[in-house]
């Protein structure tokens, strides 16, 4: 009877230890100057700056910021892992730490005002393009 209870007790103890262990939480915050720009991360809209989101994997992410009156900004933003998330240490930090660790990444981008082109200049450009296309035919 003791031999049957011992494996059960070990399993319950192992389950309790694993359920109490923490993990690594990853959070990214994106800000812009001026605030209120639409943020697209890897082609998916996530909100307006400032905005925060949890993520799973470290990688280079495509961040696109757009706001009326400002140039659209597209950045290939590397999100590097901290030392405790580099293999094989990541297995230990993800599964056996006795507390939760939050890894935060903050990115701030400055948007440039959009250059407005006068109507006269725009018509001159259009005429030049029209002339070039007619010469090419």
N, C-alpha and C. Protein backbone atom coordinates (compact mmCIF):
# COMPACT_ATOMS: atom_id res chain seq x y z
N UNK A 1 0.81 -1.19 0.00
CA UNK A 1 0.00 0.00 0.00
C UNK A 1 0.85 1.25 0.00
N UNK A 2 1.99 1.22 0.71
CA UNK A 2 2.87 2.37 0.76
C UNK A 2 3.48 2.63 -0.61
N UNK A 3 3.81 1.59 -1.33
CA UNK A 3 4.43 1.76 -2.64
C UNK A 3 3.46 2.42 -3.63
N UNK A 4 2.14 2.23 -3.46
CA UNK A 4 1.16 2.86 -4.33
C UNK A 4 1.00 4.34 -4.00
N UNK A 5 1.02 4.71 -2.73
CA UNK A 5 0.84 6.09 -2.32
C UNK A 5 2.06 6.95 -2.62
N UNK A 6 3.24 6.34 -2.57
CA UNK A 6 4.46 7.12 -2.78
C UNK A 6 4.51 7.76 -4.18
N UNK A 7 4.27 7.01 -5.26
CA UNK A 7 4.27 7.65 -6.58
C UNK A 7 3.17 8.71 -6.71
N UNK A 8 2.04 8.49 -6.09
CA UNK A 8 0.97 9.47 -6.13
C UNK A 8 1.38 10.74 -5.40
N UNK A 9 2.01 10.59 -4.26
CA UNK A 9 2.48 11.75 -3.50
C UNK A 9 3.55 12.51 -4.27
N UNK A 10 4.45 11.78 -4.92
CA UNK A 10 5.51 12.43 -5.72
C UNK A 10 4.89 13.19 -6.89
N UNK A 11 3.92 12.59 -7.53
CA UNK A 11 3.24 13.26 -8.66
C UNK A 11 2.52 14.52 -8.19
N UNK A 12 1.83 14.44 -7.07
CA UNK A 12 1.14 15.62 -6.54
C UNK A 12 2.12 16.71 -6.14
N UNK A 13 3.21 16.33 -5.55
CA UNK A 13 4.23 17.30 -5.16
C UNK A 13 4.86 17.94 -6.39
N UNK A 14 5.16 17.16 -7.40
CA UNK A 14 5.72 17.68 -8.65
C UNK A 14 4.73 18.63 -9.33
N UNK A 15 3.46 18.27 -9.34
CA UNK A 15 2.43 19.13 -9.92
C UNK A 15 2.35 20.47 -9.17
N UNK A 16 2.39 20.41 -7.85
CA UNK A 16 2.32 21.63 -7.03
C UNK A 16 3.51 22.54 -7.29
N UNK A 17 4.69 21.96 -7.37
CA UNK A 17 5.90 22.76 -7.63
C UNK A 17 5.83 23.40 -9.01
N UNK A 18 5.40 22.64 -10.01
CA UNK A 18 5.31 23.19 -11.37
C UNK A 18 4.24 24.26 -11.48
N UNK A 19 3.14 24.11 -10.78
CA UNK A 19 2.07 25.11 -10.87
C UNK A 19 2.44 26.39 -10.14
N UNK A 20 3.34 26.32 -9.17
CA UNK A 20 3.76 27.51 -8.45
C UNK A 20 4.91 28.24 -9.14
N UNK A 21 5.52 27.58 -10.12
CA UNK A 21 6.66 28.22 -10.78
C UNK A 21 6.16 29.35 -11.67
N UNK A 22 7.02 30.35 -11.83
CA UNK A 22 6.67 31.52 -12.62
C UNK A 22 7.03 31.32 -14.07
N UNK A 23 7.00 32.41 -14.77
CA UNK A 23 7.37 32.38 -16.16
C UNK A 23 7.84 33.77 -16.55
N UNK A 24 8.25 33.91 -17.80
CA UNK A 24 8.70 35.20 -18.30
C UNK A 24 7.56 35.82 -19.10
N UNK A 25 7.21 37.02 -18.74
CA UNK A 25 6.19 37.78 -19.46
C UNK A 25 6.91 38.80 -20.33
N UNK A 26 6.54 38.88 -21.60
CA UNK A 26 7.18 39.80 -22.53
C UNK A 26 6.18 40.89 -22.92
N UNK A 27 6.59 42.16 -22.78
CA UNK A 27 5.68 43.28 -23.08
C UNK A 27 6.43 44.33 -23.89
N UNK A 28 5.78 44.83 -24.93
CA UNK A 28 6.34 45.84 -25.80
C UNK A 28 5.44 47.07 -25.76
N UNK A 29 6.06 48.26 -25.61
CA UNK A 29 5.32 49.51 -25.63
C UNK A 29 5.85 50.35 -26.79
N UNK A 30 4.93 50.88 -27.58
CA UNK A 30 5.29 51.70 -28.73
C UNK A 30 4.70 53.09 -28.51
N UNK A 31 5.56 54.11 -28.60
CA UNK A 31 5.17 55.51 -28.44
C UNK A 31 5.57 56.28 -29.68
N UNK A 32 4.91 57.42 -29.90
CA UNK A 32 5.30 58.28 -31.01
C UNK A 32 5.25 59.73 -30.56
N UNK A 33 6.01 60.55 -31.25
CA UNK A 33 5.98 61.99 -31.03
C UNK A 33 5.60 62.63 -32.35
N UNK A 34 4.40 63.13 -32.51
CA UNK A 34 3.32 63.29 -31.54
C UNK A 34 2.56 61.98 -31.32
N UNK A 35 1.88 61.87 -30.18
CA UNK A 35 1.10 60.66 -29.89
C UNK A 35 -0.15 60.59 -30.77
N UNK A 36 -0.75 59.43 -30.78
CA UNK A 36 -2.01 59.24 -31.52
C UNK A 36 -1.83 58.65 -32.90
N UNK A 37 -0.65 58.13 -33.21
CA UNK A 37 -0.41 57.51 -34.51
C UNK A 37 -0.92 56.07 -34.50
N UNK A 38 -1.47 55.66 -35.63
CA UNK A 38 -1.93 54.28 -35.79
C UNK A 38 -0.72 53.37 -35.89
N UNK A 39 -0.71 52.29 -35.11
CA UNK A 39 0.41 51.34 -35.08
C UNK A 39 -0.01 50.05 -35.75
N UNK A 40 0.79 49.61 -36.71
CA UNK A 40 0.64 48.29 -37.32
C UNK A 40 1.92 47.53 -37.02
N UNK A 41 1.77 46.36 -36.45
CA UNK A 41 2.91 45.51 -36.11
C UNK A 41 2.84 44.26 -36.96
N UNK A 42 3.82 44.08 -37.82
CA UNK A 42 3.87 42.94 -38.76
C UNK A 42 2.59 42.86 -39.58
N UNK A 43 2.08 44.03 -40.00
CA UNK A 43 0.91 44.10 -40.86
C UNK A 43 -0.43 44.04 -40.14
N UNK A 44 -0.42 43.94 -38.83
CA UNK A 44 -1.67 43.85 -38.05
C UNK A 44 -1.85 45.11 -37.21
N UNK A 45 -3.01 45.74 -37.33
CA UNK A 45 -3.29 46.94 -36.55
C UNK A 45 -3.43 46.58 -35.07
N UNK A 46 -2.72 47.33 -34.23
CA UNK A 46 -2.79 47.03 -32.80
C UNK A 46 -3.30 48.19 -31.97
N UNK A 47 -3.45 49.39 -32.55
CA UNK A 47 -3.99 50.51 -31.79
C UNK A 47 -3.26 51.80 -32.10
N UNK A 48 -3.51 52.79 -31.23
CA UNK A 48 -2.91 54.10 -31.40
C UNK A 48 -1.91 54.36 -30.27
N UNK A 49 -0.84 55.08 -30.61
CA UNK A 49 0.20 55.35 -29.63
C UNK A 49 -0.29 56.29 -28.55
N UNK A 50 0.17 56.08 -27.32
CA UNK A 50 1.01 54.97 -26.86
C UNK A 50 0.19 53.70 -26.69
N UNK A 51 0.77 52.60 -27.06
CA UNK A 51 0.09 51.30 -26.95
C UNK A 51 1.08 50.24 -26.47
N UNK A 52 0.56 49.26 -25.75
CA UNK A 52 1.38 48.16 -25.24
C UNK A 52 0.73 46.84 -25.61
N UNK A 53 1.57 45.84 -25.81
CA UNK A 53 1.05 44.51 -26.09
C UNK A 53 2.03 43.46 -25.61
N UNK A 54 1.51 42.31 -25.27
CA UNK A 54 2.33 41.17 -24.90
C UNK A 54 2.76 40.46 -26.18
N UNK A 55 3.94 39.86 -26.16
CA UNK A 55 4.40 39.10 -27.32
C UNK A 55 5.07 37.82 -26.84
N UNK A 56 5.26 36.88 -27.75
CA UNK A 56 5.78 35.57 -27.40
C UNK A 56 7.24 35.39 -27.82
N UNK A 57 7.58 35.85 -29.02
CA UNK A 57 8.90 35.56 -29.57
C UNK A 57 9.71 36.83 -29.78
N UNK A 58 11.01 36.73 -29.58
CA UNK A 58 11.94 37.81 -29.88
C UNK A 58 12.33 37.68 -31.35
N UNK A 59 12.29 38.80 -32.05
CA UNK A 59 12.62 38.80 -33.48
C UNK A 59 12.69 40.24 -33.96
N UNK A 60 12.96 40.41 -35.24
CA UNK A 60 12.86 41.73 -35.85
C UNK A 60 11.43 41.90 -36.31
N UNK A 61 10.79 42.96 -35.84
CA UNK A 61 9.37 43.20 -36.13
C UNK A 61 9.22 44.42 -37.04
N UNK A 62 8.27 44.39 -37.93
CA UNK A 62 7.99 45.55 -38.78
C UNK A 62 6.96 46.43 -38.08
N UNK A 63 7.36 47.65 -37.76
CA UNK A 63 6.49 48.61 -37.09
C UNK A 63 6.16 49.70 -38.10
N UNK A 64 4.88 49.95 -38.31
CA UNK A 64 4.45 51.03 -39.22
C UNK A 64 3.57 51.99 -38.43
N UNK A 65 3.94 53.26 -38.47
CA UNK A 65 3.18 54.32 -37.79
C UNK A 65 2.64 55.27 -38.84
N UNK A 66 1.35 55.60 -38.73
CA UNK A 66 0.76 56.54 -39.67
C UNK A 66 -0.19 57.47 -38.92
N UNK A 67 -0.17 58.74 -39.33
CA UNK A 67 -1.01 59.76 -38.73
C UNK A 67 -1.26 60.82 -39.79
N UNK A 68 -2.50 61.30 -39.92
CA UNK A 68 -2.78 62.36 -40.90
C UNK A 68 -1.90 63.58 -40.66
N UNK A 69 -1.32 64.11 -41.75
CA UNK A 69 -0.46 65.28 -41.66
C UNK A 69 1.00 64.94 -41.42
N UNK A 70 1.32 63.62 -41.29
CA UNK A 70 2.69 63.19 -41.04
C UNK A 70 3.06 62.08 -42.02
N UNK A 71 4.36 62.00 -42.31
CA UNK A 71 4.86 60.94 -43.18
C UNK A 71 4.68 59.59 -42.49
N UNK A 72 4.27 58.57 -43.26
CA UNK A 72 4.17 57.22 -42.72
C UNK A 72 5.58 56.70 -42.46
N UNK A 73 5.79 56.13 -41.30
CA UNK A 73 7.10 55.64 -40.88
C UNK A 73 7.06 54.12 -40.76
N UNK A 74 7.96 53.45 -41.47
CA UNK A 74 8.07 51.99 -41.40
C UNK A 74 9.47 51.65 -40.92
N UNK A 75 9.55 50.85 -39.86
CA UNK A 75 10.82 50.51 -39.22
C UNK A 75 10.92 49.00 -39.08
N UNK A 76 12.10 48.46 -39.34
CA UNK A 76 12.41 47.07 -39.02
C UNK A 76 13.06 47.10 -37.64
N UNK A 77 12.28 46.84 -36.60
CA UNK A 77 12.72 47.00 -35.21
C UNK A 77 13.16 45.67 -34.62
N UNK A 78 14.47 45.51 -34.31
CA UNK A 78 14.89 44.29 -33.62
C UNK A 78 14.43 44.33 -32.16
N UNK A 79 13.94 43.20 -31.68
CA UNK A 79 13.55 43.04 -30.28
C UNK A 79 14.46 41.96 -29.71
N UNK A 80 15.57 42.37 -29.08
CA UNK A 80 16.55 41.39 -28.62
C UNK A 80 16.15 40.72 -27.31
N UNK A 81 16.51 39.46 -27.15
CA UNK A 81 16.20 38.77 -25.88
C UNK A 81 17.20 39.16 -24.80
N UNK A 82 16.76 39.17 -23.53
CA UNK A 82 17.71 39.37 -22.44
C UNK A 82 18.54 38.09 -22.26
N UNK A 83 19.57 38.17 -21.45
CA UNK A 83 20.49 37.04 -21.30
C UNK A 83 19.80 35.77 -20.81
N UNK A 84 18.77 35.91 -19.98
CA UNK A 84 18.12 34.72 -19.42
C UNK A 84 17.11 34.10 -20.38
N UNK A 85 16.96 34.67 -21.57
CA UNK A 85 16.07 34.10 -22.58
C UNK A 85 16.83 33.50 -23.76
N UNK A 86 18.14 33.36 -23.62
CA UNK A 86 18.96 32.75 -24.66
C UNK A 86 19.05 31.25 -24.37
N UNK A 87 18.82 30.40 -25.39
CA UNK A 87 18.89 28.96 -25.15
C UNK A 87 20.26 28.55 -24.62
N UNK A 88 20.36 27.63 -23.71
CA UNK A 88 19.35 26.81 -23.05
C UNK A 88 18.81 27.43 -21.76
N UNK A 89 19.26 28.65 -21.41
CA UNK A 89 18.78 29.29 -20.19
C UNK A 89 17.28 29.59 -20.24
N UNK A 90 16.74 29.79 -21.44
CA UNK A 90 15.32 30.13 -21.56
C UNK A 90 14.42 29.01 -21.03
N UNK A 91 14.85 27.76 -21.14
CA UNK A 91 14.05 26.65 -20.62
C UNK A 91 13.88 26.78 -19.11
N UNK A 92 14.95 27.13 -18.43
CA UNK A 92 14.90 27.27 -16.98
C UNK A 92 14.06 28.49 -16.60
N UNK A 93 14.30 29.65 -17.25
CA UNK A 93 13.58 30.87 -16.89
C UNK A 93 12.09 30.79 -17.24
N UNK A 94 11.75 30.06 -18.28
CA UNK A 94 10.34 29.93 -18.66
C UNK A 94 9.58 28.93 -17.80
N UNK A 95 10.28 27.96 -17.21
CA UNK A 95 9.57 26.87 -16.53
C UNK A 95 9.84 26.72 -15.04
N UNK A 96 10.98 27.16 -14.55
CA UNK A 96 11.32 26.83 -13.18
C UNK A 96 11.64 28.00 -12.27
N UNK A 97 11.51 29.22 -12.72
CA UNK A 97 11.74 30.35 -11.82
C UNK A 97 10.64 30.38 -10.77
N UNK A 98 10.96 30.71 -9.53
CA UNK A 98 9.94 30.72 -8.47
C UNK A 98 9.06 31.97 -8.50
N UNK A 99 9.26 32.87 -9.48
CA UNK A 99 8.44 34.07 -9.59
C UNK A 99 8.29 34.44 -11.06
N UNK A 100 7.39 35.38 -11.32
CA UNK A 100 7.19 35.84 -12.68
C UNK A 100 8.13 37.01 -12.96
N UNK A 101 8.78 36.97 -14.12
CA UNK A 101 9.69 38.03 -14.55
C UNK A 101 9.05 38.70 -15.77
N UNK A 102 9.03 40.04 -15.78
CA UNK A 102 8.49 40.77 -16.92
C UNK A 102 9.63 41.45 -17.66
N UNK A 103 9.76 41.12 -18.94
CA UNK A 103 10.77 41.73 -19.80
C UNK A 103 10.06 42.79 -20.64
N UNK A 104 10.44 44.05 -20.46
CA UNK A 104 9.77 45.16 -21.15
C UNK A 104 10.69 45.78 -22.20
N UNK A 105 10.09 46.11 -23.33
CA UNK A 105 10.79 46.81 -24.40
C UNK A 105 9.97 48.06 -24.72
N UNK A 106 10.60 49.23 -24.65
CA UNK A 106 9.95 50.51 -24.97
C UNK A 106 10.60 51.09 -26.22
N UNK A 107 9.77 51.43 -27.20
CA UNK A 107 10.25 52.02 -28.44
C UNK A 107 9.51 53.34 -28.66
N UNK A 108 10.27 54.39 -28.96
CA UNK A 108 9.69 55.72 -29.23
C UNK A 108 10.18 56.18 -30.59
N UNK A 109 9.25 56.67 -31.41
CA UNK A 109 9.57 57.11 -32.76
C UNK A 109 9.06 58.53 -32.96
N UNK A 110 9.84 59.33 -33.70
CA UNK A 110 9.45 60.71 -34.02
C UNK A 110 8.92 60.74 -35.45
N UNK A 111 7.72 61.25 -35.60
CA UNK A 111 7.12 61.38 -36.92
C UNK A 111 7.48 62.74 -37.51
N UNK A 112 7.73 62.77 -38.81
CA UNK A 112 8.04 64.04 -39.47
C UNK A 112 6.80 64.57 -40.17
N UNK A 113 6.59 65.89 -40.09
CA UNK A 113 5.42 66.48 -40.77
C UNK A 113 5.49 66.21 -42.27
N UNK A 114 4.32 66.02 -42.84
CA UNK A 114 4.22 65.74 -44.26
C UNK A 114 4.52 67.00 -45.05
N UNK A 115 5.32 66.87 -46.10
CA UNK A 115 5.65 68.01 -46.96
C UNK A 115 4.48 68.24 -47.91
N UNK A 116 3.90 69.42 -47.86
CA UNK A 116 2.78 69.72 -48.74
C UNK A 116 3.30 70.32 -50.04
N UNK A 117 2.78 69.83 -51.14
CA UNK A 117 3.17 70.28 -52.47
C UNK A 117 2.10 71.22 -52.98
N UNK A 118 2.53 72.35 -53.53
CA UNK A 118 1.56 73.31 -54.05
C UNK A 118 0.87 72.72 -55.28
N UNK A 119 -0.30 73.25 -55.58
CA UNK A 119 -1.07 72.75 -56.72
C UNK A 119 -0.32 72.98 -58.03
N UNK A 120 0.36 74.10 -58.13
CA UNK A 120 1.11 74.42 -59.34
C UNK A 120 2.25 73.42 -59.57
N UNK A 121 2.98 73.09 -58.49
CA UNK A 121 4.07 72.13 -58.60
C UNK A 121 3.53 70.75 -58.95
N UNK A 122 2.40 70.39 -58.38
CA UNK A 122 1.79 69.10 -58.66
C UNK A 122 1.39 69.00 -60.13
N UNK A 123 0.81 70.08 -60.68
CA UNK A 123 0.43 70.08 -62.10
C UNK A 123 1.65 70.02 -63.00
N UNK A 124 2.74 70.69 -62.60
CA UNK A 124 3.98 70.62 -63.38
C UNK A 124 4.53 69.19 -63.41
N UNK A 125 4.51 68.52 -62.27
CA UNK A 125 4.97 67.13 -62.22
C UNK A 125 4.11 66.23 -63.10
N UNK A 126 2.80 66.43 -63.03
CA UNK A 126 1.89 65.61 -63.83
C UNK A 126 2.14 65.84 -65.32
N UNK A 127 2.38 67.09 -65.70
CA UNK A 127 2.68 67.39 -67.12
C UNK A 127 3.97 66.73 -67.56
N UNK A 128 4.98 66.73 -66.69
CA UNK A 128 6.25 66.08 -67.02
C UNK A 128 6.08 64.58 -67.20
N UNK A 129 5.30 63.96 -66.35
CA UNK A 129 5.04 62.52 -66.46
C UNK A 129 4.27 62.22 -67.74
N UNK A 130 3.28 63.07 -68.06
CA UNK A 130 2.50 62.88 -69.28
C UNK A 130 3.40 62.97 -70.51
N UNK A 131 4.30 63.95 -70.53
CA UNK A 131 5.21 64.13 -71.66
C UNK A 131 6.14 62.93 -71.80
N UNK A 132 6.67 62.45 -70.68
CA UNK A 132 7.56 61.28 -70.73
C UNK A 132 6.86 60.04 -71.24
N UNK A 133 5.60 59.86 -70.85
CA UNK A 133 4.87 58.67 -71.30
C UNK A 133 4.54 58.77 -72.79
N UNK A 134 4.29 59.98 -73.29
CA UNK A 134 3.99 60.14 -74.71
C UNK A 134 5.24 59.92 -75.55
N UNK A 135 6.42 60.34 -75.03
CA UNK A 135 7.67 60.13 -75.76
C UNK A 135 8.06 58.66 -75.80
N UNK A 136 7.68 57.91 -74.78
CA UNK A 136 8.03 56.49 -74.70
C UNK A 136 7.24 55.66 -75.68
N UNK A 137 6.11 56.14 -76.15
CA UNK A 137 5.26 55.36 -77.05
C UNK A 137 5.73 55.44 -78.42
